[in-house]
Amino acid sequence: KAQPDYDPDAMVYSMTYWGYDVQSEKFQTLANFFWDLYSKEVGSWRDQPLWAYTMSRFHVEPLTLKRYPFNSDGDRTGMNGHHYA
């Protein structure tokens, strides 16, 4: 709570599936900030709280999926009949 950018309402998202544009300057800023802290192995070994803090700090809210990306029967056919390796 002593941090000037502490946000008690920061969201922790379930990020089971996620995608990003590696050429996005916004993503590069987030990733560099995250890995700079995480790679120092200080604080928690858990990445979720740090990622939640990173997204809150840079005012990023992820897009959410409208449905599970794979069929519920366990096959790897996704949206619009796409097949995953």
Protein backbone atom coordinates (compact mmCIF):
# COMPACT_ATOMS: atom_id res chain seq x y z
CA LYS A 1 0.00 0.00 0.00
CA ALA A 2 3.01 2.29 0.31
CA GLN A 3 3.47 2.34 -3.46
CA PRO A 4 2.24 5.59 -5.02
CA ASP A 5 0.52 3.62 -7.81
CA TYR A 6 -1.13 1.04 -5.49
CA ASP A 7 -4.62 0.18 -6.74
CA PRO A 8 -6.76 -1.85 -4.32
CA ASP A 9 -9.22 -2.53 -7.16
CA ALA A 10 -6.69 -3.99 -9.63
CA MET A 11 -8.19 -7.01 -11.39
CA VAL A 12 -6.53 -10.41 -11.55
CA TYR A 13 -7.73 -12.09 -14.73
CA SER A 14 -7.88 -15.78 -15.52
CA MET A 15 -5.49 -15.81 -18.45
CA THR A 16 -5.81 -19.46 -19.50
CA TYR A 17 -5.67 -18.44 -23.16
CA TRP A 18 -4.18 -15.22 -24.36
CA GLY A 19 -2.76 -13.70 -27.46
CA TYR A 20 -0.88 -10.53 -28.18
CA ASP A 21 0.72 -8.57 -30.97
CA VAL A 22 4.48 -8.69 -30.39
CA GLN A 23 4.86 -5.56 -32.50
CA SER A 24 2.46 -3.57 -30.32
CA GLU A 25 4.34 -0.84 -28.48
CA LYS A 26 1.84 -1.12 -25.61
CA PHE A 27 2.49 -4.86 -25.26
CA GLN A 28 6.26 -4.35 -25.47
CA THR A 29 6.07 -1.77 -22.68
CA LEU A 30 4.06 -4.15 -20.48
CA ALA A 31 6.25 -7.16 -21.24
CA ASN A 32 9.49 -5.28 -20.62
CA PHE A 33 8.19 -3.85 -17.34
CA PHE A 34 6.93 -7.28 -16.21
CA TRP A 35 10.08 -9.22 -17.13
CA ASP A 36 12.39 -6.58 -15.68
CA LEU A 37 10.78 -7.16 -12.28
CA TYR A 38 10.00 -10.89 -12.56
CA SER A 39 13.51 -11.85 -13.72
CA LYS A 40 15.07 -10.31 -10.61
CA GLU A 41 13.33 -13.00 -8.54
CA VAL A 42 12.24 -10.57 -5.85
CA GLY A 43 8.83 -10.58 -4.29
CA SER A 44 6.45 -13.35 -5.21
CA TRP A 45 7.25 -16.30 -7.47
CA ARG A 46 3.67 -16.05 -8.67
CA ASP A 47 3.37 -14.25 -11.97
CA GLN A 48 -0.39 -13.50 -11.78
CA PRO A 49 -0.19 -10.74 -9.14
CA LEU A 50 2.69 -9.05 -10.96
CA TRP A 51 0.89 -9.30 -14.31
CA ALA A 52 -2.28 -7.86 -12.69
CA TYR A 53 -0.22 -5.01 -11.25
CA THR A 54 1.45 -4.42 -14.63
CA MET A 55 -1.89 -4.26 -16.45
CA SER A 56 -3.35 -1.94 -13.79
CA ARG A 57 -0.29 0.32 -13.83
CA PHE A 58 -0.51 0.78 -17.62
CA HIS A 59 -4.34 0.89 -17.69
CA VAL A 60 -4.78 -2.21 -19.83
CA GLU A 61 -7.93 -4.32 -19.78
CA PRO A 62 -7.88 -7.57 -21.76
CA LEU A 63 -10.53 -8.50 -24.26
CA THR A 64 -12.58 -11.44 -23.09
CA LEU A 65 -13.65 -14.46 -25.11
CA LYS A 66 -17.37 -14.90 -25.63
CA ARG A 67 -16.97 -18.66 -25.40
CA TYR A 68 -14.43 -21.39 -24.73
CA PRO A 69 -12.10 -21.59 -27.76
CA PHE A 70 -12.26 -25.40 -28.06
CA ASN A 71 -15.22 -27.77 -28.27
CA SER A 72 -16.22 -29.24 -24.92
CA ASP A 73 -15.80 -32.83 -26.15
CA GLY A 74 -12.02 -32.44 -25.96
CA ASP A 75 -11.20 -32.28 -29.65
CA ARG A 76 -9.06 -29.39 -30.80
CA THR A 77 -11.51 -27.84 -33.24
CA GLY A 78 -11.94 -24.17 -32.49
CA MET A 79 -14.16 -21.38 -33.70
CA ASN A 80 -15.35 -21.55 -37.29
CA GLY A 81 -14.05 -25.14 -37.61
CA HIS A 82 -10.39 -24.12 -37.18
CA HIS A 83 -8.17 -27.08 -36.22
CA TYR A 84 -5.30 -26.73 -33.77
CA ALA A 85 -2.13 -28.86 -33.84
